[in-house]
Amino acid sequence: MASNRFVAFAIAAIILPTVAMATEYIVGDDKGWNVTVNYTEWAQNKVFHVGDTLVFKYGPPHNVSKVDEGGFKECKPSGDLYNSGNDTFTLSKPGKKWYICGITAHCEKGQKLMINVEEPKVPAPAPKTVPAPAPNDSYRFISSWYQIFMAAVVVMAMAAI
């Protein structure tokens, strides 16, 4: 029993920080996934990272097809067509990703999205413009134990369910 809890705690300690840093993007924001949005402009100032998610929200008759570069350029759906109206894609690898609507002429009218996914987010080091005071080891100790305690509380709560 104790070893199961330790494994659950270890998994939570590794996964929780990554999940906490992930961003969920609603494709097209409040306009959703349709032919009236310029998705190049929508994605232009966004930085996508491994672990982030894209959520495509739309109504009939639209759908989403994850395609390769050729399918994107030629507006040819391939593979699975998603049509739930609320499709979520987790960005699991860095590189370019392409999505189109597979309904005839929708992709040609601009209902397509190309993004570049970067490596996972990592906390940036704090800029050091002035000499920092000597680190307070007791604060670091308490802070790290607080994080571990909070992760353990979450794991225990999940194990109790």
C-alpha atoms as a PDB file:
ATOM      1  CA  MET A   1       0.000   0.000   0.000  1.00  0.00           C
ATOM      2  CA  ALA A   2       2.758   2.419   0.966  1.00  0.00           C
ATOM      3  CA  SER A   3       4.731   1.651  -2.202  1.00  0.00           C
ATOM      4  CA  ASN A   4       1.644   2.389  -4.352  1.00  0.00           C
ATOM      5  CA  ARG A   5       1.276   5.749  -2.670  1.00  0.00           C
ATOM      6  CA  PHE A   6       4.953   6.483  -3.168  1.00  0.00           C
ATOM      7  CA  VAL A   7       4.653   5.688  -6.890  1.00  0.00           C
ATOM      8  CA  ALA A   8       1.560   7.904  -7.174  1.00  0.00           C
ATOM      9  CA  PHE A   9       3.388  10.669  -5.321  1.00  0.00           C
ATOM     10  CA  ALA A  10       6.454  10.358  -7.568  1.00  0.00           C
ATOM     11  CA  ILE A  11       4.306  10.510 -10.719  1.00  0.00           C
ATOM     12  CA  ALA A  12       2.426  13.535  -9.412  1.00  0.00           C
ATOM     13  CA  ALA A  13       5.665  15.290  -8.441  1.00  0.00           C
ATOM     14  CA  ILE A  14       6.947  14.870 -12.000  1.00  0.00           C
ATOM     15  CA  ILE A  15       3.729  15.582 -13.919  1.00  0.00           C
ATOM     16  CA  LEU A  16       2.077  18.354 -11.887  1.00  0.00           C
ATOM     17  CA  PRO A  17       4.673  21.067 -12.639  1.00  0.00           C
ATOM     18  CA  THR A  18       4.467  20.334 -16.381  1.00  0.00           C
ATOM     19  CA  VAL A  19       0.661  20.372 -16.392  1.00  0.00           C
ATOM     20  CA  ALA A  20       0.621  23.580 -14.393  1.00  0.00           C
ATOM     21  CA  MET A  21       2.731  25.296 -17.054  1.00  0.00           C
ATOM     22  CA  ALA A  22       0.717  24.062 -20.062  1.00  0.00           C
ATOM     23  CA  THR A  23      -1.582  26.477 -21.882  1.00  0.00           C
ATOM     24  CA  GLU A  24      -4.950  25.648 -23.406  1.00  0.00           C
ATOM     25  CA  TYR A  25      -5.675  27.535 -26.628  1.00  0.00           C
ATOM     26  CA  ILE A  26      -9.231  27.812 -27.938  1.00  0.00           C
ATOM     27  CA  VAL A  27      -8.614  27.951 -31.684  1.00  0.00           C
ATOM     28  CA  GLY A  28     -10.149  31.169 -33.010  1.00  0.00           C
ATOM     29  CA  ASP A  29     -10.828  32.343 -29.437  1.00  0.00           C
ATOM     30  CA  ASP A  30     -14.520  33.288 -29.045  1.00  0.00           C
ATOM     31  CA  LYS A  31     -15.168  32.899 -32.803  1.00  0.00           C
ATOM     32  CA  GLY A  32     -14.120  29.240 -32.775  1.00  0.00           C
ATOM     33  CA  TRP A  33     -13.327  27.081 -35.795  1.00  0.00           C
ATOM     34  CA  ASN A  34     -15.087  28.341 -38.943  1.00  0.00           C
ATOM     35  CA  VAL A  35     -14.453  29.967 -42.326  1.00  0.00           C
ATOM     36  CA  THR A  36     -14.708  33.567 -41.062  1.00  0.00           C
ATOM     37  CA  VAL A  37     -11.478  33.583 -38.994  1.00  0.00           C
ATOM     38  CA  ASN A  38      -7.989  34.258 -40.301  1.00  0.00           C
ATOM     39  CA  TYR A  39      -6.084  31.554 -38.407  1.00  0.00           C
ATOM     40  CA  THR A  40      -2.696  32.811 -39.604  1.00  0.00           C
ATOM     41  CA  GLU A  41      -3.396  36.081 -37.808  1.00  0.00           C
ATOM     42  CA  TRP A  42      -4.875  34.251 -34.816  1.00  0.00           C
ATOM     43  CA  ALA A  43      -1.672  32.185 -34.330  1.00  0.00           C
ATOM     44  CA  GLN A  44       0.747  34.962 -35.270  1.00  0.00           C
ATOM     45  CA  ASN A  45       1.609  36.278 -31.784  1.00  0.00           C
ATOM     46  CA  LYS A  46       1.190  33.010 -29.912  1.00  0.00           C
ATOM     47  CA  VAL A  47       4.005  30.721 -28.826  1.00  0.00           C
ATOM     48  CA  PHE A  48       2.987  27.069 -28.634  1.00  0.00           C
ATOM     49  CA  HIS A  49       4.947  24.619 -26.495  1.00  0.00           C
ATOM     50  CA  VAL A  50       5.015  20.857 -26.040  1.00  0.00           C
ATOM     51  CA  GLY A  51       2.330  20.081 -23.444  1.00  0.00           C
ATOM     52  CA  ASP A  52      -0.032  22.858 -24.562  1.00  0.00           C
ATOM     53  CA  THR A  53      -3.443  21.925 -25.969  1.00  0.00           C
ATOM     54  CA  LEU A  54      -5.478  23.186 -28.903  1.00  0.00           C
ATOM     55  CA  VAL A  55      -9.257  23.054 -28.511  1.00  0.00           C
ATOM     56  CA  PHE A  56     -11.329  23.310 -31.689  1.00  0.00           C
ATOM     57  CA  LYS A  57     -14.882  24.457 -30.918  1.00  0.00           C
ATOM     58  CA  TYR A  58     -17.384  24.487 -33.774  1.00  0.00           C
ATOM     59  CA  GLY A  59     -20.835  23.498 -34.934  1.00  0.00           C
ATOM     60  CA  PRO A  60     -22.025  21.558 -37.968  1.00  0.00           C
ATOM     61  CA  PRO A  61     -20.978  21.063 -40.683  1.00  0.00           C
ATOM     62  CA  HIS A  62     -17.333  21.626 -39.695  1.00  0.00           C
ATOM     63  CA  ASN A  63     -14.733  19.087 -38.628  1.00  0.00           C
ATOM     64  CA  VAL A  64     -10.983  18.951 -37.964  1.00  0.00           C
ATOM     65  CA  SER A  65      -8.366  16.921 -39.780  1.00  0.00           C
ATOM     66  CA  LYS A  66      -4.768  16.822 -38.591  1.00  0.00           C
ATOM     67  CA  VAL A  67      -2.705  16.739 -41.794  1.00  0.00           C
ATOM     68  CA  ASP A  68       0.878  16.955 -43.007  1.00  0.00           C
ATOM     69  CA  GLU A  69       2.331  19.893 -44.919  1.00  0.00           C
ATOM     70  CA  GLY A  70       1.178  18.521 -48.295  1.00  0.00           C
ATOM     71  CA  GLY A  71      -2.378  17.996 -47.037  1.00  0.00           C
ATOM     72  CA  PHE A  72      -2.344  21.544 -45.683  1.00  0.00           C
ATOM     73  CA  LYS A  73      -1.162  23.084 -48.965  1.00  0.00           C
ATOM     74  CA  GLU A  74      -3.537  20.990 -51.082  1.00  0.00           C
ATOM     75  CA  CYS A  75      -6.434  21.143 -48.591  1.00  0.00           C
ATOM     76  CA  LYS A  76      -6.692  17.348 -48.564  1.00  0.00           C
ATOM     77  CA  PRO A  77      -7.912  15.783 -45.315  1.00  0.00           C
ATOM     78  CA  SER A  78      -6.120  12.614 -44.280  1.00  0.00           C
ATOM     79  CA  GLY A  79      -6.312  10.230 -41.384  1.00  0.00           C
ATOM     80  CA  ASP A  80      -9.001  10.697 -38.773  1.00  0.00           C
ATOM     81  CA  LEU A  81     -11.676  13.358 -39.134  1.00  0.00           C
ATOM     82  CA  TYR A  82     -12.716  14.748 -35.782  1.00  0.00           C
ATOM     83  CA  ASN A  83     -16.275  16.039 -35.599  1.00  0.00           C
ATOM     84  CA  SER A  84     -17.317  16.291 -31.952  1.00  0.00           C
ATOM     85  CA  GLY A  85     -17.501  20.088 -32.070  1.00  0.00           C
ATOM     86  CA  ASN A  86     -15.084  20.202 -29.124  1.00  0.00           C
ATOM     87  CA  ASP A  87     -11.892  18.447 -30.213  1.00  0.00           C
ATOM     88  CA  THR A  88      -8.732  18.690 -28.121  1.00  0.00           C
ATOM     89  CA  PHE A  89      -5.214  18.032 -29.389  1.00  0.00           C
ATOM     90  CA  THR A  90      -2.276  17.886 -26.982  1.00  0.00           C
ATOM     91  CA  LEU A  91       0.913  19.154 -28.579  1.00  0.00           C
ATOM     92  CA  SER A  92       3.293  16.300 -27.793  1.00  0.00           C
ATOM     93  CA  LYS A  93       6.279  17.002 -30.054  1.00  0.00           C
ATOM     94  CA  PRO A  94       8.097  20.113 -31.235  1.00  0.00           C
ATOM     95  CA  GLY A  95       7.798  21.110 -34.900  1.00  0.00           C
ATOM     96  CA  LYS A  96       5.181  22.303 -37.346  1.00  0.00           C
ATOM     97  CA  LYS A  97       1.568  21.090 -37.012  1.00  0.00           C
ATOM     98  CA  TRP A  98      -1.202  21.489 -39.587  1.00  0.00           C
ATOM     99  CA  TYR A  99      -4.990  21.314 -39.190  1.00  0.00           C
ATOM    100  CA  ILE A 100      -7.753  21.824 -41.756  1.00  0.00           C
ATOM    101  CA  CYS A 101     -11.519  21.552 -42.041  1.00  0.00           C
ATOM    102  CA  GLY A 102     -12.322  18.586 -44.269  1.00  0.00           C
ATOM    103  CA  ILE A 103     -15.614  19.997 -45.587  1.00  0.00           C
ATOM    104  CA  THR A 104     -15.435  20.818 -49.307  1.00  0.00           C
ATOM    105  CA  ALA A 105     -14.010  24.308 -49.963  1.00  0.00           C
ATOM    106  CA  HIS A 106     -13.731  25.286 -46.274  1.00  0.00           C
ATOM    107  CA  CYS A 107      -9.952  24.860 -46.211  1.00  0.00           C
ATOM    108  CA  GLU A 108      -9.649  26.811 -49.466  1.00  0.00           C
ATOM    109  CA  LYS A 109     -11.654  29.615 -47.820  1.00  0.00           C
ATOM    110  CA  GLY A 110      -9.096  29.776 -44.987  1.00  0.00           C
ATOM    111  CA  GLN A 111     -10.350  27.286 -42.412  1.00  0.00           C
ATOM    112  CA  LYS A 112      -6.893  25.907 -41.785  1.00  0.00           C
ATOM    113  CA  LEU A 113      -4.254  26.368 -39.117  1.00  0.00           C
ATOM    114  CA  MET A 114      -0.483  25.944 -39.150  1.00  0.00           C
ATOM    115  CA  ILE A 115       1.512  26.346 -35.951  1.00  0.00           C
ATOM    116  CA  ASN A 116       5.062  25.781 -34.807  1.00  0.00           C
ATOM    117  CA  VAL A 117       5.435  23.929 -31.518  1.00  0.00           C
ATOM    118  CA  GLU A 118       8.500  24.707 -29.423  1.00  0.00           C
ATOM    119  CA  GLU A 119      10.191  22.694 -26.699  1.00  0.00           C
ATOM    120  CA  PRO A 120       8.417  22.548 -23.309  1.00  0.00           C
ATOM    121  CA  LYS A 121       8.339  25.677 -21.208  1.00  0.00           C
ATOM    122  CA  VAL A 122      10.953  25.917 -18.533  1.00  0.00           C
ATOM    123  CA  PRO A 123      11.077  28.649 -15.947  1.00  0.00           C
ATOM    124  CA  ALA A 124      13.440  31.368 -17.110  1.00  0.00           C
ATOM    125  CA  PRO A 125      16.283  32.221 -14.777  1.00  0.00           C
ATOM    126  CA  ALA A 126      15.789  35.469 -12.911  1.00  0.00           C
ATOM    127  CA  PRO A 127      17.795  38.322 -14.387  1.00  0.00           C
ATOM    128  CA  LYS A 128      20.702  39.342 -12.183  1.00  0.00           C
ATOM    129  CA  THR A 129      21.369  43.038 -12.566  1.00  0.00           C
ATOM    130  CA  VAL A 130      22.487  43.691  -8.999  1.00  0.00           C
ATOM    131  CA  PRO A 131      24.249  41.386  -6.603  1.00  0.00           C
ATOM    132  CA  ALA A 132      21.692  39.231  -4.855  1.00  0.00           C
ATOM    133  CA  PRO A 133      21.738  38.782  -1.109  1.00  0.00           C
ATOM    134  CA  ALA A 134      23.090  35.503   0.190  1.00  0.00           C
ATOM    135  CA  PRO A 135      20.525  32.760  -0.406  1.00  0.00           C
ATOM    136  CA  ASN A 136      18.424  31.807   2.555  1.00  0.00           C
ATOM    137  CA  ASP A 137      18.675  28.023   2.692  1.00  0.00           C
ATOM    138  CA  SER A 138      15.915  27.724   5.257  1.00  0.00           C
ATOM    139  CA  TYR A 139      13.468  29.490   2.908  1.00  0.00           C
ATOM    140  CA  ARG A 140      14.412  27.176   0.028  1.00  0.00           C
ATOM    141  CA  PHE A 141      14.008  24.168   2.288  1.00  0.00           C
ATOM    142  CA  ILE A 142      10.558  25.262   3.482  1.00  0.00           C
ATOM    143  CA  SER A 143       9.471  26.249  -0.032  1.00  0.00           C
ATOM    144  CA  SER A 144      10.464  22.919  -1.579  1.00  0.00           C
ATOM    145  CA  TRP A 145       8.816  20.963   1.216  1.00  0.00           C
ATOM    146  CA  TYR A 146       5.660  23.027   0.810  1.00  0.00           C
ATOM    147  CA  GLN A 147       5.527  22.071  -2.875  1.00  0.00           C
ATOM    148  CA  ILE A 148       6.081  18.425  -2.021  1.00  0.00           C
ATOM    149  CA  PHE A 149       3.410  18.617   0.681  1.00  0.00           C
ATOM    150  CA  MET A 150       0.890  20.142  -1.744  1.00  0.00           C
ATOM    151  CA  ALA A 151       1.639  17.472  -4.360  1.00  0.00           C
ATOM    152  CA  ALA A 152       1.188  14.799  -1.681  1.00  0.00           C
ATOM    153  CA  VAL A 153      -2.171  16.300  -0.653  1.00  0.00           C
ATOM    154  CA  VAL A 154      -3.351  16.136  -4.274  1.00  0.00           C
ATOM    155  CA  VAL A 155      -2.148  12.526  -4.634  1.00  0.00           C
ATOM    156  CA  MET A 156      -3.807  11.497  -1.369  1.00  0.00           C
ATOM    157  CA  ALA A 157      -7.041  13.150  -2.428  1.00  0.00           C
ATOM    158  CA  MET A 158      -6.917  11.350  -5.762  1.00  0.00           C
ATOM    159  CA  ALA A 159      -6.110   8.028  -4.040  1.00  0.00           C
ATOM    160  CA  ALA A 160      -9.072   8.490  -1.696  1.00  0.00           C
ATOM    161  CA  ILE A 161     -11.484   8.797  -4.598  1.00  0.00           C
END
